[in-house]
């Protein structure tokens, strides 16, 4: 199954690369070539690292969806985004507008509400199954 996930991620990445390559060549090739020559390959190294980490992220996403529901994955992805935004605010010291704060609070509240609803649904399911089974035999 893991090989299927890797195969799918490779094909998606390859298709996206081939689809966007002509547009990139038309718009960015001259800038890329001058930057690679000026920065002694640092840009190329950064691009390769970025592509590698993006591929690993896609592979991890496919692997995670195999084990959890897509909604749970979406909620985890929202949490990741909120975490990255808050971390960047702390690290870079960027000011936050009231609208950004409301957005962060809204996303965090949605995550908490989903987790609470999921926990309550599981508790109801567990209580219904214990009621259906009835009391156990005592020996």
C-alpha atoms as a PDB file:
ATOM      1  CA  UNK A   1       0.000   0.000   0.000  1.00  0.00           C
ATOM      2  CA  UNK A   2       2.854   2.391   0.762  1.00  0.00           C
ATOM      3  CA  UNK A   3       4.252   1.848  -2.725  1.00  0.00           C
ATOM      4  CA  UNK A   4       0.851   2.856  -4.171  1.00  0.00           C
ATOM      5  CA  UNK A   5       0.906   6.064  -2.126  1.00  0.00           C
ATOM      6  CA  UNK A   6       4.443   6.878  -3.235  1.00  0.00           C
ATOM      7  CA  UNK A   7       3.516   6.090  -6.859  1.00  0.00           C
ATOM      8  CA  UNK A   8       0.487   8.414  -6.665  1.00  0.00           C
ATOM      9  CA  UNK A   9       2.482  11.216  -5.044  1.00  0.00           C
ATOM     10  CA  UNK A  10       5.231  10.881  -7.653  1.00  0.00           C
ATOM     11  CA  UNK A  11       2.744  10.987 -10.505  1.00  0.00           C
ATOM     12  CA  UNK A  12       0.934  14.015  -9.087  1.00  0.00           C
ATOM     13  CA  UNK A  13       4.231  15.834  -8.554  1.00  0.00           C
ATOM     14  CA  UNK A  14       5.499  14.908 -12.021  1.00  0.00           C
ATOM     15  CA  UNK A  15       2.255  15.990 -13.683  1.00  0.00           C
ATOM     16  CA  UNK A  16       2.293  19.333 -11.846  1.00  0.00           C
ATOM     17  CA  UNK A  17       5.938  19.865 -12.811  1.00  0.00           C
ATOM     18  CA  UNK A  18       5.300  19.118 -16.483  1.00  0.00           C
ATOM     19  CA  UNK A  19       2.181  21.278 -16.530  1.00  0.00           C
ATOM     20  CA  UNK A  20       3.912  24.314 -15.033  1.00  0.00           C
ATOM     21  CA  UNK A  21       7.327  23.966 -16.689  1.00  0.00           C
ATOM     22  CA  UNK A  22       6.441  25.887 -19.898  1.00  0.00           C
ATOM     23  CA  UNK A  23       5.011  28.808 -17.916  1.00  0.00           C
ATOM     24  CA  UNK A  24       8.085  28.898 -15.696  1.00  0.00           C
ATOM     25  CA  UNK A  25      10.432  28.815 -18.687  1.00  0.00           C
ATOM     26  CA  UNK A  26       8.606  31.749 -20.281  1.00  0.00           C
ATOM     27  CA  UNK A  27       8.451  33.937 -17.199  1.00  0.00           C
ATOM     28  CA  UNK A  28      11.279  33.061 -14.815  1.00  0.00           C
ATOM     29  CA  UNK A  29      14.155  31.364 -16.650  1.00  0.00           C
ATOM     30  CA  UNK A  30      16.268  34.499 -17.098  1.00  0.00           C
ATOM     31  CA  UNK A  31      15.887  35.482 -13.419  1.00  0.00           C
ATOM     32  CA  UNK A  32      16.650  31.918 -12.310  1.00  0.00           C
ATOM     33  CA  UNK A  33      19.781  31.686 -14.466  1.00  0.00           C
ATOM     34  CA  UNK A  34      21.169  35.011 -13.230  1.00  0.00           C
ATOM     35  CA  UNK A  35      20.461  34.133  -9.576  1.00  0.00           C
ATOM     36  CA  UNK A  36      22.070  30.693  -9.864  1.00  0.00           C
ATOM     37  CA  UNK A  37      25.211  32.263 -11.325  1.00  0.00           C
ATOM     38  CA  UNK A  38      25.318  35.055  -8.726  1.00  0.00           C
ATOM     39  CA  UNK A  39      24.594  32.939  -5.648  1.00  0.00           C
ATOM     40  CA  UNK A  40      26.929  30.043  -6.572  1.00  0.00           C
ATOM     41  CA  UNK A  41      24.223  27.419  -6.561  1.00  0.00           C
ATOM     42  CA  UNK A  42      22.591  28.345  -3.246  1.00  0.00           C
ATOM     43  CA  UNK A  43      19.291  28.978  -4.993  1.00  0.00           C
ATOM     44  CA  UNK A  44      19.436  25.610  -6.723  1.00  0.00           C
ATOM     45  CA  UNK A  45      20.152  23.908  -3.389  1.00  0.00           C
ATOM     46  CA  UNK A  46      17.211  25.688  -1.804  1.00  0.00           C
ATOM     47  CA  UNK A  47      14.929  24.692  -4.683  1.00  0.00           C
ATOM     48  CA  UNK A  48      15.964  21.038  -4.421  1.00  0.00           C
ATOM     49  CA  UNK A  49      15.422  21.065  -0.646  1.00  0.00           C
ATOM     50  CA  UNK A  50      12.037  22.749  -1.085  1.00  0.00           C
ATOM     51  CA  UNK A  51      10.967  20.164  -3.662  1.00  0.00           C
ATOM     52  CA  UNK A  52      12.171  17.299  -1.493  1.00  0.00           C
ATOM     53  CA  UNK A  53      10.347  18.509   1.604  1.00  0.00           C
ATOM     54  CA  UNK A  54       7.194  19.206  -0.392  1.00  0.00           C
ATOM     55  CA  UNK A  55       7.273  15.684  -1.805  1.00  0.00           C
ATOM     56  CA  UNK A  56       7.688  14.269   1.729  1.00  0.00           C
ATOM     57  CA  UNK A  57       4.772  16.402   2.934  1.00  0.00           C
ATOM     58  CA  UNK A  58       2.538  15.090   0.134  1.00  0.00           C
ATOM     59  CA  UNK A  59       3.623  11.525   0.864  1.00  0.00           C
ATOM     60  CA  UNK A  60       2.892  12.002   4.566  1.00  0.00           C
ATOM     61  CA  UNK A  61      -0.514  13.484   3.743  1.00  0.00           C
ATOM     62  CA  UNK A  62      -1.460  10.473   1.603  1.00  0.00           C
ATOM     63  CA  UNK A  63      -0.235   8.139   4.347  1.00  0.00           C
ATOM     64  CA  UNK A  64      -2.198   9.996   7.026  1.00  0.00           C
ATOM     65  CA  UNK A  65      -5.433  10.015   5.018  1.00  0.00           C
ATOM     66  CA  UNK A  66      -5.122   6.243   4.710  1.00  0.00           C
ATOM     67  CA  UNK A  67      -5.338   5.944   8.519  1.00  0.00           C
ATOM     68  CA  UNK A  68      -7.730   8.779   9.453  1.00  0.00           C
ATOM     69  CA  UNK A  69     -10.811  10.350   7.938  1.00  0.00           C
ATOM     70  CA  UNK A  70     -10.394  13.235   5.470  1.00  0.00           C
ATOM     71  CA  UNK A  71     -12.238  15.548   7.856  1.00  0.00           C
ATOM     72  CA  UNK A  72      -9.840  14.742  10.687  1.00  0.00           C
ATOM     73  CA  UNK A  73      -6.924  15.344   8.324  1.00  0.00           C
ATOM     74  CA  UNK A  74      -8.421  18.679   7.288  1.00  0.00           C
ATOM     75  CA  UNK A  75      -8.757  19.729  10.925  1.00  0.00           C
ATOM     76  CA  UNK A  76      -5.149  18.675  11.615  1.00  0.00           C
ATOM     77  CA  UNK A  77      -4.043  20.696   8.586  1.00  0.00           C
ATOM     78  CA  UNK A  78      -5.931  23.737   9.918  1.00  0.00           C
ATOM     79  CA  UNK A  79      -4.197  23.307  13.280  1.00  0.00           C
ATOM     80  CA  UNK A  80      -0.840  23.105  11.484  1.00  0.00           C
ATOM     81  CA  UNK A  81      -1.551  26.364   9.673  1.00  0.00           C
ATOM     82  CA  UNK A  82      -2.562  28.146  12.873  1.00  0.00           C
ATOM     83  CA  UNK A  83       0.581  26.810  14.574  1.00  0.00           C
ATOM     84  CA  UNK A  84       2.803  28.014  11.719  1.00  0.00           C
ATOM     85  CA  UNK A  85       1.184  31.464  11.743  1.00  0.00           C
ATOM     86  CA  UNK A  86       1.536  31.875  15.513  1.00  0.00           C
ATOM     87  CA  UNK A  87       5.116  30.563  15.432  1.00  0.00           C
ATOM     88  CA  UNK A  88       6.059  33.023  12.708  1.00  0.00           C
ATOM     89  CA  UNK A  89       4.449  35.864  14.640  1.00  0.00           C
ATOM     90  CA  UNK A  90       6.487  34.978  17.715  1.00  0.00           C
ATOM     91  CA  UNK A  91       9.746  34.316  15.852  1.00  0.00           C
ATOM     92  CA  UNK A  92       9.699  37.311  13.512  1.00  0.00           C
ATOM     93  CA  UNK A  93       7.881  39.646  15.906  1.00  0.00           C
ATOM     94  CA  UNK A  94       5.397  40.771  13.269  1.00  0.00           C
ATOM     95  CA  UNK A  95       2.453  42.808  14.521  1.00  0.00           C
ATOM     96  CA  UNK A  96      -0.966  41.194  14.324  1.00  0.00           C
ATOM     97  CA  UNK A  97      -4.064  43.081  13.243  1.00  0.00           C
ATOM     98  CA  UNK A  98      -7.395  42.618  15.024  1.00  0.00           C
ATOM     99  CA  UNK A  99      -8.757  40.852  11.926  1.00  0.00           C
ATOM    100  CA  UNK A 100      -5.832  38.393  11.974  1.00  0.00           C
ATOM    101  CA  UNK A 101      -6.473  37.763  15.666  1.00  0.00           C
ATOM    102  CA  UNK A 102     -10.148  37.060  14.997  1.00  0.00           C
ATOM    103  CA  UNK A 103      -9.177  34.648  12.225  1.00  0.00           C
ATOM    104  CA  UNK A 104      -6.755  32.777  14.494  1.00  0.00           C
ATOM    105  CA  UNK A 105      -9.349  32.597  17.274  1.00  0.00           C
ATOM    106  CA  UNK A 106     -12.018  31.423  14.830  1.00  0.00           C
ATOM    107  CA  UNK A 107      -9.778  28.665  13.465  1.00  0.00           C
ATOM    108  CA  UNK A 108      -8.767  27.577  16.969  1.00  0.00           C
ATOM    109  CA  UNK A 109     -12.399  27.612  18.114  1.00  0.00           C
ATOM    110  CA  UNK A 110     -13.385  25.475  15.117  1.00  0.00           C
ATOM    111  CA  UNK A 111     -10.678  22.947  15.936  1.00  0.00           C
ATOM    112  CA  UNK A 112     -11.797  22.765  19.563  1.00  0.00           C
ATOM    113  CA  UNK A 113     -15.479  22.470  18.599  1.00  0.00           C
ATOM    114  CA  UNK A 114     -14.725  19.636  16.165  1.00  0.00           C
ATOM    115  CA  UNK A 115     -12.709  17.748  18.777  1.00  0.00           C
ATOM    116  CA  UNK A 116     -15.478  18.199  21.349  1.00  0.00           C
ATOM    117  CA  UNK A 117     -18.158  17.014  18.907  1.00  0.00           C
ATOM    118  CA  UNK A 118     -16.061  14.018  17.902  1.00  0.00           C
ATOM    119  CA  UNK A 119     -15.471  13.091  21.556  1.00  0.00           C
ATOM    120  CA  UNK A 120     -19.195  13.413  22.378  1.00  0.00           C
ATOM    121  CA  UNK A 121     -20.189  11.305  19.347  1.00  0.00           C
ATOM    122  CA  UNK A 122     -17.779   8.582  20.435  1.00  0.00           C
ATOM    123  CA  UNK A 123     -19.134   8.711  23.989  1.00  0.00           C
ATOM    124  CA  UNK A 124     -22.735   8.381  22.706  1.00  0.00           C
ATOM    125  CA  UNK A 125     -21.747   5.468  20.501  1.00  0.00           C
ATOM    126  CA  UNK A 126     -19.995   3.740  23.402  1.00  0.00           C
ATOM    127  CA  UNK A 127     -22.990   4.274  25.741  1.00  0.00           C
ATOM    128  CA  UNK A 128     -25.439   2.926  23.150  1.00  0.00           C
ATOM    129  CA  UNK A 129     -23.350  -0.185  22.604  1.00  0.00           C
ATOM    130  CA  UNK A 130     -23.092  -0.803  26.358  1.00  0.00           C
ATOM    131  CA  UNK A 131     -26.889  -0.363  26.744  1.00  0.00           C
ATOM    132  CA  UNK A 132     -27.529  -2.756  23.865  1.00  0.00           C
ATOM    133  CA  UNK A 133     -25.240  -5.394  25.337  1.00  0.00           C
ATOM    134  CA  UNK A 134     -26.964  -5.191  28.703  1.00  0.00           C
ATOM    135  CA  UNK A 135     -25.428  -6.026  32.048  1.00  0.00           C
ATOM    136  CA  UNK A 136     -22.831  -8.767  32.047  1.00  0.00           C
ATOM    137  CA  UNK A 137     -23.239 -12.048  33.885  1.00  0.00           C
ATOM    138  CA  UNK A 138     -21.825 -12.035  37.367  1.00  0.00           C
ATOM    139  CA  UNK A 139     -20.270 -15.240  38.574  1.00  0.00           C
END
